Amino acid sequence: MEKDSWRLKQPTQKVVEYLDGLTIDGKNIEFVSDVQAKPISKNYVEVKVTFIASDYKLLKKKFGNRSSD
């Protein structure tokens, strides 16, 4: 993501951290090993999350083009 590109399109994600994980827009993220949150303006916070996953895939297409993977 380009630096400061969030200024063009406003973020809508809601992040809630718990003792045993976190949610992003209500979706559970488990096996979280680190969360760093830093306010960047009155209405926005930069959140960095590190977690362990069972798999990773890089798709060579833009996020908005999410037809069947």
Protein backbone atom coordinates (compact mmCIF):
# COMPACT_ATOMS: atom_id res chain seq x y z
CA MET A 1 0.00 0.00 0.00
CA GLU A 2 1.33 3.43 -0.88
CA LYS A 3 2.30 5.69 1.99
CA ASP A 4 -0.65 7.90 3.01
CA SER A 5 -2.96 6.25 0.42
CA TRP A 6 -5.54 5.93 3.23
CA ARG A 7 -6.17 9.67 2.78
CA LEU A 8 -7.87 9.00 -0.58
CA LYS A 9 -10.22 6.24 0.60
CA GLN A 10 -11.29 6.32 4.23
CA PRO A 11 -10.67 3.20 6.37
CA THR A 12 -13.73 1.46 7.81
CA GLN A 13 -12.21 -1.49 9.71
CA LYS A 14 -13.03 -1.83 13.39
CA VAL A 15 -10.41 -3.69 15.45
CA VAL A 16 -11.04 -5.04 18.97
CA GLU A 17 -8.20 -6.66 20.92
CA TYR A 18 -8.86 -9.32 23.58
CA LEU A 19 -6.51 -11.23 25.87
CA ASP A 20 -6.54 -14.25 23.53
CA GLY A 21 -6.85 -12.69 20.06
CA LEU A 22 -8.59 -9.92 18.21
CA THR A 23 -11.41 -9.23 15.80
CA ILE A 24 -11.39 -7.18 12.63
CA ASP A 25 -14.93 -6.23 11.63
CA GLY A 26 -16.17 -9.07 13.83
CA LYS A 27 -13.93 -11.73 12.23
CA ASN A 28 -11.84 -13.60 14.81
CA ILE A 29 -8.07 -13.59 14.36
CA GLU A 30 -6.42 -16.19 16.58
CA PHE A 31 -2.78 -17.03 17.35
CA VAL A 32 -1.90 -13.34 17.59
CA SER A 33 1.65 -12.78 18.80
CA ASP A 34 1.85 -8.98 18.60
CA VAL A 35 -0.45 -5.98 18.23
CA GLN A 36 0.79 -2.42 17.93
CA ALA A 37 -1.68 0.44 17.75
CA LYS A 38 -0.66 4.05 17.13
CA PRO A 39 -3.06 6.98 16.75
CA ILE A 40 -2.33 8.83 13.49
CA SER A 41 -5.14 11.38 13.61
CA LYS A 42 -8.23 12.24 15.62
CA ASN A 43 -10.30 9.57 13.84
CA TYR A 44 -7.76 6.93 12.77
CA VAL A 45 -5.28 4.53 14.30
CA GLU A 46 -2.54 2.53 12.60
CA VAL A 47 -2.75 -1.12 13.71
CA LYS A 48 0.01 -3.64 13.06
CA VAL A 49 -0.91 -7.27 13.77
CA THR A 50 1.39 -10.28 13.77
CA PHE A 51 -0.24 -13.70 13.84
CA ILE A 52 0.50 -17.30 12.93
CA ALA A 53 -1.39 -18.71 9.94
CA SER A 54 -1.68 -22.21 8.51
CA ASP A 55 -1.22 -21.02 4.93
CA TYR A 56 -0.32 -17.95 2.86
CA LYS A 57 -1.13 -17.15 -0.74
CA LEU A 58 -0.18 -14.13 -2.86
CA LEU A 59 -2.68 -13.46 -5.64
CA LYS A 60 -1.41 -11.35 -8.53
CA LYS A 61 -4.56 -9.26 -8.82
CA LYS A 62 -6.09 -6.30 -7.07
CA PHE A 63 -8.13 -6.83 -3.89
CA GLY A 64 -11.31 -5.38 -5.43
CA ASN A 65 -11.38 -8.11 -8.13
CA ARG A 66 -12.33 -10.94 -5.75
CA SER A 67 -14.14 -13.35 -8.00
CA SER A 68 -13.58 -17.05 -7.21
CA ASP A 69 -10.02 -17.70 -5.97
